[in-house]
Amino acid sequence: MVPVWLTSIQRAPPGSLVVSAATSGPILPDKRGKTTVDELVMVLEGDVEFEISGKVLRPAVGEELFISAGVLHSVRNTGKTTSRWLYGYQMNQS
């Protein structure tokens, strides 16, 4: 069984599944990055736009997106209210 960590701090032991929540006000700068692990994202509230490998996606509340490790991606709050989403990944095995 894989232990699950509900945290916003990425200090879980290798092999653990990490689930974190993110919140953004109406203005969220376009932040681009890559992760070293696969990531699963689910929108909880608001209007959020994800750009994954140059493709723009606007998932509805409750919809999930998969982001492969090493892929350039960004997230933007496109609404006028706060947006919230969950993201999860499994820590690399050491």
Foldseek 3Di string as FASTA:
>chain_A
DAAEDEDPDPPDAAQHKYKYKDKDFQWDDWDKDFAQFKKKKAWQDAWKWKAWQNDIDTDDHGDMDIHGGPIIMTMTGNDNGMTMMMMMTGHHHD
